[in-house]
C-alpha atoms as a PDB file:
ATOM      1  CA  MET A   1     -19.085  16.878   2.814  1.00  0.00           C
ATOM      2  CA  GLU A   2     -17.658  16.572  -0.686  1.00  0.00           C
ATOM      3  CA  ARG A   3     -19.010  13.731  -2.779  1.00  0.00           C
ATOM      4  CA  ALA A   4     -16.479  10.990  -3.633  1.00  0.00           C
ATOM      5  CA  ALA A   5     -15.218  11.072  -7.198  1.00  0.00           C
ATOM      6  CA  PRO A   6     -16.263   8.276  -9.524  1.00  0.00           C
ATOM      7  CA  ILE A   7     -13.627   5.704 -10.375  1.00  0.00           C
ATOM      8  CA  ARG A   8     -13.541   4.973 -14.078  1.00  0.00           C
ATOM      9  CA  LYS A   9     -12.508   1.471 -15.115  1.00  0.00           C
ATOM     10  CA  MET A  10     -10.457   1.313 -18.290  1.00  0.00           C
ATOM     11  CA  SER A  11      -9.124  -1.440 -20.535  1.00  0.00           C
ATOM     12  CA  ALA A  12      -5.438  -1.715 -21.382  1.00  0.00           C
ATOM     13  CA  GLU A  13      -6.188  -0.232 -24.826  1.00  0.00           C
ATOM     14  CA  GLN A  14      -7.972   2.782 -23.318  1.00  0.00           C
ATOM     15  CA  VAL A  15      -5.109   3.409 -20.878  1.00  0.00           C
ATOM     16  CA  PHE A  16      -2.554   3.052 -23.678  1.00  0.00           C
ATOM     17  CA  VAL A  17      -4.375   5.721 -25.731  1.00  0.00           C
ATOM     18  CA  LEU A  18      -4.614   8.016 -22.681  1.00  0.00           C
ATOM     19  CA  LEU A  19      -0.882   7.661 -21.962  1.00  0.00           C
ATOM     20  CA  GLU A  20       0.064   8.115 -25.637  1.00  0.00           C
ATOM     21  CA  ARG A  21      -1.763  11.460 -25.682  1.00  0.00           C
ATOM     22  CA  GLY A  22       0.465  12.517 -22.782  1.00  0.00           C
ATOM     23  CA  GLY A  23      -0.174  15.599 -20.752  1.00  0.00           C
ATOM     24  CA  ASP A  24      -1.561  15.625 -17.256  1.00  0.00           C
ATOM     25  CA  VAL A  25      -1.666  11.875 -16.532  1.00  0.00           C
ATOM     26  CA  THR A  26       0.416   9.629 -14.285  1.00  0.00           C
ATOM     27  CA  PRO A  27       0.211   5.827 -14.053  1.00  0.00           C
ATOM     28  CA  ILE A  28       0.721   4.621 -10.480  1.00  0.00           C
ATOM     29  CA  ASP A  29       1.802   1.074  -9.652  1.00  0.00           C
ATOM     30  CA  THR A  30       0.136   0.135  -6.354  1.00  0.00           C
ATOM     31  CA  LEU A  31       2.334  -2.902  -5.649  1.00  0.00           C
ATOM     32  CA  PRO A  32       5.365  -3.146  -3.327  1.00  0.00           C
ATOM     33  CA  SER A  33       8.556  -1.567  -4.667  1.00  0.00           C
ATOM     34  CA  GLU A  34      10.222  -4.910  -5.445  1.00  0.00           C
ATOM     35  CA  TRP A  35       7.398  -5.697  -7.915  1.00  0.00           C
ATOM     36  CA  TYR A  36       7.501  -2.153  -9.313  1.00  0.00           C
ATOM     37  CA  GLU A  37      11.249  -2.454  -9.944  1.00  0.00           C
ATOM     38  CA  LYS A  38      10.745  -5.683 -11.918  1.00  0.00           C
ATOM     39  CA  ARG A  39       7.989  -4.472 -14.242  1.00  0.00           C
ATOM     40  CA  ARG A  40       5.813  -1.426 -14.635  1.00  0.00           C
ATOM     41  CA  LEU A  41       3.951   0.592 -17.219  1.00  0.00           C
ATOM     42  CA  PRO A  42       6.113   3.141 -19.061  1.00  0.00           C
ATOM     43  CA  GLY A  43       6.483   6.305 -17.001  1.00  0.00           C
ATOM     44  CA  ALA A  44       4.781   4.816 -13.939  1.00  0.00           C
ATOM     45  CA  LYS A  45       5.456   5.964 -10.393  1.00  0.00           C
ATOM     46  CA  ASN A  46       5.200   3.711  -7.340  1.00  0.00           C
ATOM     47  CA  ALA A  47       2.932   4.195  -4.333  1.00  0.00           C
ATOM     48  CA  CYS A  48       2.346   0.932  -2.487  1.00  0.00           C
ATOM     49  CA  VAL A  49      -1.225   0.712  -1.269  1.00  0.00           C
ATOM     50  CA  TYR A  50      -0.152  -1.698   1.506  1.00  0.00           C
ATOM     51  CA  GLU A  51       2.010   0.931   3.200  1.00  0.00           C
ATOM     52  CA  VAL A  52       0.734   3.313   5.871  1.00  0.00           C
ATOM     53  CA  THR A  53       2.451   6.156   4.006  1.00  0.00           C
ATOM     54  CA  PHE A  54       0.390   5.586   0.828  1.00  0.00           C
ATOM     55  CA  PRO A  55      -1.390   8.977   1.093  1.00  0.00           C
ATOM     56  CA  ASP A  56       1.955  10.759   1.543  1.00  0.00           C
ATOM     57  CA  GLN A  57       3.452   8.901  -1.416  1.00  0.00           C
ATOM     58  CA  ILE A  58       0.509   9.946  -3.596  1.00  0.00           C
ATOM     59  CA  GLU A  59       0.724  13.553  -2.393  1.00  0.00           C
ATOM     60  CA  ALA A  60       4.401  13.654  -3.412  1.00  0.00           C
ATOM     61  CA  ILE A  61       3.601  12.251  -6.868  1.00  0.00           C
ATOM     62  CA  ALA A  62       0.442  14.236  -7.582  1.00  0.00           C
ATOM     63  CA  PRO A  63      -0.312  17.131  -5.229  1.00  0.00           C
ATOM     64  CA  ASP A  64      -3.010  18.468  -7.604  1.00  0.00           C
ATOM     65  CA  ARG A  65      -6.351  16.765  -6.805  1.00  0.00           C
ATOM     66  CA  ASP A  66      -7.442  17.309 -10.440  1.00  0.00           C
ATOM     67  CA  HIS A  67      -4.466  15.408 -11.866  1.00  0.00           C
ATOM     68  CA  ASN A  68      -5.364  12.348 -13.984  1.00  0.00           C
ATOM     69  CA  ILE A  69      -4.188   9.230 -12.163  1.00  0.00           C
ATOM     70  CA  VAL A  70      -4.256   5.697 -13.575  1.00  0.00           C
ATOM     71  CA  VAL A  71      -3.836   3.081 -10.836  1.00  0.00           C
ATOM     72  CA  TYR A  72      -2.988  -0.529 -11.568  1.00  0.00           C
ATOM     73  CA  GLY A  73      -1.984  -3.710  -9.790  1.00  0.00           C
ATOM     74  CA  SER A  74      -0.879  -7.156 -10.853  1.00  0.00           C
ATOM     75  CA  SER A  75      -3.930  -8.805 -12.433  1.00  0.00           C
ATOM     76  CA  PHE A  76      -7.680  -9.341 -12.556  1.00  0.00           C
ATOM     77  CA  HIS A  77      -7.315 -11.457  -9.390  1.00  0.00           C
ATOM     78  CA  SER A  78      -5.904  -8.743  -7.145  1.00  0.00           C
ATOM     79  CA  TYR A  79      -7.694  -5.901  -5.406  1.00  0.00           C
ATOM     80  CA  ASP A  80      -4.696  -3.642  -4.753  1.00  0.00           C
ATOM     81  CA  ALA A  81      -5.516  -1.071  -7.439  1.00  0.00           C
ATOM     82  CA  ALA A  82      -9.226  -0.997  -6.557  1.00  0.00           C
ATOM     83  CA  VAL A  83      -8.349  -0.335  -2.912  1.00  0.00           C
ATOM     84  CA  ALA A  84      -5.906   2.375  -3.999  1.00  0.00           C
ATOM     85  CA  ALA A  85      -8.572   3.999  -6.197  1.00  0.00           C
ATOM     86  CA  GLU A  86     -11.015   4.070  -3.267  1.00  0.00           C
ATOM     87  CA  LYS A  87      -8.352   5.654  -1.050  1.00  0.00           C
ATOM     88  CA  LEU A  88      -7.597   8.275  -3.705  1.00  0.00           C
ATOM     89  CA  SER A  89     -11.275   9.115  -3.945  1.00  0.00           C
ATOM     90  CA  ARG A  90     -11.496   9.552  -0.164  1.00  0.00           C
ATOM     91  CA  LEU A  91      -8.370  11.755  -0.302  1.00  0.00           C
ATOM     92  CA  GLY A  92     -10.187  14.111  -2.668  1.00  0.00           C
ATOM     93  CA  TYR A  93      -8.700  13.128  -6.028  1.00  0.00           C
ATOM     94  CA  ARG A  94     -11.263  13.691  -8.772  1.00  0.00           C
ATOM     95  CA  ARG A  95      -9.807  12.041 -11.906  1.00  0.00           C
ATOM     96  CA  ILE A  96      -9.115   8.416 -11.040  1.00  0.00           C
ATOM     97  CA  TYR A  97      -8.813   5.650 -13.611  1.00  0.00           C
ATOM     98  CA  LEU A  98      -8.472   1.950 -12.795  1.00  0.00           C
ATOM     99  CA  LEU A  99      -6.639  -0.266 -15.292  1.00  0.00           C
ATOM    100  CA  GLU A 100      -8.735  -3.426 -15.263  1.00  0.00           C
ATOM    101  CA  GLY A 101      -6.507  -6.499 -15.151  1.00  0.00           C
ATOM    102  CA  GLY A 102      -3.377  -4.550 -14.230  1.00  0.00           C
ATOM    103  CA  VAL A 103       0.022  -5.573 -15.579  1.00  0.00           C
ATOM    104  CA  GLU A 104      -1.399  -8.921 -16.704  1.00  0.00           C
ATOM    105  CA  ALA A 105      -3.945  -7.246 -19.030  1.00  0.00           C
ATOM    106  CA  TRP A 106      -1.378  -4.698 -20.242  1.00  0.00           C
ATOM    107  CA  ARG A 107       1.052  -7.478 -21.167  1.00  0.00           C
ATOM    108  CA  ALA A 108      -1.683  -9.592 -22.809  1.00  0.00           C
ATOM    109  CA  ALA A 109      -2.596  -6.611 -25.011  1.00  0.00           C
ATOM    110  CA  GLY A 110       1.023  -6.515 -26.241  1.00  0.00           C
ATOM    111  CA  TYR A 111       2.013  -3.154 -24.759  1.00  0.00           C
ATOM    112  CA  PRO A 112       5.575  -2.516 -23.553  1.00  0.00           C
ATOM    113  CA  LEU A 113       6.703  -2.711 -19.939  1.00  0.00           C
ATOM    114  CA  GLU A 114       9.732  -1.179 -18.222  1.00  0.00           C
ATOM    115  CA  GLY A 115      11.845  -2.498 -15.356  1.00  0.00           C
ATOM    116  CA  THR A 116      14.615  -4.937 -14.534  1.00  0.00           C
ATOM    117  CA  GLU A 117      12.619  -8.023 -15.647  1.00  0.00           C
ATOM    118  CA  PRO A 118       9.756  -6.732 -17.819  1.00  0.00           C
ATOM    119  CA  GLU A 119       9.247  -9.996 -19.710  1.00  0.00           C
ATOM    120  CA  LYS A 120       9.418 -12.380 -16.756  1.00  0.00           C
ATOM    121  CA  ILE A 121       6.133 -13.801 -15.484  1.00  0.00           C
ATOM    122  CA  ASP A 122       6.185 -14.537 -11.771  1.00  0.00           C
ATOM    123  CA  GLU A 123       4.221 -17.481 -10.522  1.00  0.00           C
ATOM    124  CA  PRO A 124       2.566 -16.576  -7.235  1.00  0.00           C
ATOM    125  CA  ASP A 125       3.910 -18.479  -4.243  1.00  0.00           C
ATOM    126  CA  MET A 126       0.690 -19.438  -2.528  1.00  0.00           C
ATOM    127  CA  THR A 127       2.061 -22.041  -0.147  1.00  0.00           C
ATOM    128  CA  ILE A 128       4.263 -22.186   2.891  1.00  0.00           C
ATOM    129  CA  PRO A 129       6.400 -25.310   2.666  1.00  0.00           C
ATOM    130  CA  LEU A 130       5.805 -27.443   5.751  1.00  0.00           C
ATOM    131  CA  GLU A 131       6.713 -31.016   6.420  1.00  0.00           C
ATOM    132  CA  ASP A 132       3.658 -33.281   6.317  1.00  0.00           C
ATOM    133  CA  ARG A 133       3.293 -34.233   9.994  1.00  0.00           C
ATOM    134  CA  ASP A 134       1.419 -33.290  13.155  1.00  0.00           C
ATOM    135  CA  TYR A 135       2.379 -30.051  14.861  1.00  0.00           C
ATOM    136  CA  SER A 136       1.687 -29.033  18.427  1.00  0.00           C
ATOM    137  CA  VAL A 137       1.330 -25.538  19.794  1.00  0.00           C
ATOM    138  CA  ASP A 138       2.312 -24.562  23.311  1.00  0.00           C
ATOM    139  CA  VAL A 139      -0.472 -22.070  24.086  1.00  0.00           C
ATOM    140  CA  SER A 140       1.375 -20.823  27.158  1.00  0.00           C
ATOM    141  CA  LYS A 141       4.127 -19.565  24.855  1.00  0.00           C
ATOM    142  CA  SER A 142       2.052 -18.625  21.803  1.00  0.00           C
ATOM    143  CA  SER A 143      -0.141 -15.685  21.043  1.00  0.00           C
ATOM    144  CA  ILE A 144      -1.842 -13.945  18.179  1.00  0.00           C
ATOM    145  CA  GLU A 145      -1.968 -10.187  18.458  1.00  0.00           C
ATOM    146  CA  TRP A 146      -3.755  -7.664  16.285  1.00  0.00           C
ATOM    147  CA  THR A 147      -4.120  -3.941  16.646  1.00  0.00           C
ATOM    148  CA  GLY A 148      -6.753  -2.138  14.643  1.00  0.00           C
ATOM    149  CA  ARG A 149      -8.351   1.263  14.551  1.00  0.00           C
ATOM    150  CA  ASN A 150     -11.621   2.743  13.436  1.00  0.00           C
ATOM    151  CA  ALA A 151     -12.810   6.343  13.477  1.00  0.00           C
ATOM    152  CA  THR A 152     -13.580   6.414  17.201  1.00  0.00           C
ATOM    153  CA  THR A 153     -11.531   3.719  18.944  1.00  0.00           C
ATOM    154  CA  SER A 154      -8.316   1.771  18.918  1.00  0.00           C
ATOM    155  CA  ILE A 155      -8.679  -1.965  19.478  1.00  0.00           C
ATOM    156  CA  TRP A 156      -6.102  -4.407  20.776  1.00  0.00           C
ATOM    157  CA  VAL A 157      -6.876  -8.122  20.709  1.00  0.00           C
ATOM    158  CA  ARG A 158      -4.708 -10.908  22.061  1.00  0.00           C
ATOM    159  CA  SER A 159      -5.610 -14.549  21.738  1.00  0.00           C
ATOM    160  CA  GLY A 160      -3.880 -17.733  22.750  1.00  0.00           C
ATOM    161  CA  CYS A 161      -3.217 -16.795  26.350  1.00  0.00           C
ATOM    162  CA  PRO A 162      -2.878 -19.678  28.812  1.00  0.00           C
ATOM    163  CA  ARG A 163      -6.092 -21.711  29.251  1.00  0.00           C
ATOM    164  CA  GLY A 164      -7.587 -20.251  26.073  1.00  0.00           C
ATOM    165  CA  ASN A 165      -8.293 -16.835  27.601  1.00  0.00           C
ATOM    166  CA  SER A 166      -8.167 -13.809  25.375  1.00  0.00           C
ATOM    167  CA  ALA A 167      -7.795 -10.119  26.047  1.00  0.00           C
ATOM    168  CA  TYR A 168      -9.776  -7.349  24.367  1.00  0.00           C
ATOM    169  CA  GLU A 169      -9.216  -3.682  25.118  1.00  0.00           C
ATOM    170  CA  THR A 170     -10.454  -0.470  23.565  1.00  0.00           C
ATOM    171  CA  ALA A 171      -8.974   2.946  23.967  1.00  0.00           C
END
């Protein structure tokens, strides 16, 4: 089995120098397309790490496994680019660079951004607005379902069935 490629972490300044040299390098924004449209590094392509088609998106952007790829996300607080870098390594890409701090670090270093709102800073919406009161749940009408998969099995879990029962099946 081929050994996974190392992932090289780079500062905004190091990535800027790499991109300024040009050549065989592509920055890839790992966020959803609506974020990519708002702001991105110059010349960046979009491949959302949260989508099942991420490997296909990457293949369309960079079919050569020796292509230099710089992945980035939103900030130091997000793991999207790190997850994307790990996936790229498992897909056989050998020249993977991770922009530490993502768009936030790039902007803080004073480098230009492209997009429909490159200067706007979005505040993350971390709350779901709910009225402050007691809520009841009808467990006979409510359920939580999750389907997952590992290398050997598919798993389906359902919780919240009447009387607190839950179902667990493997295939």
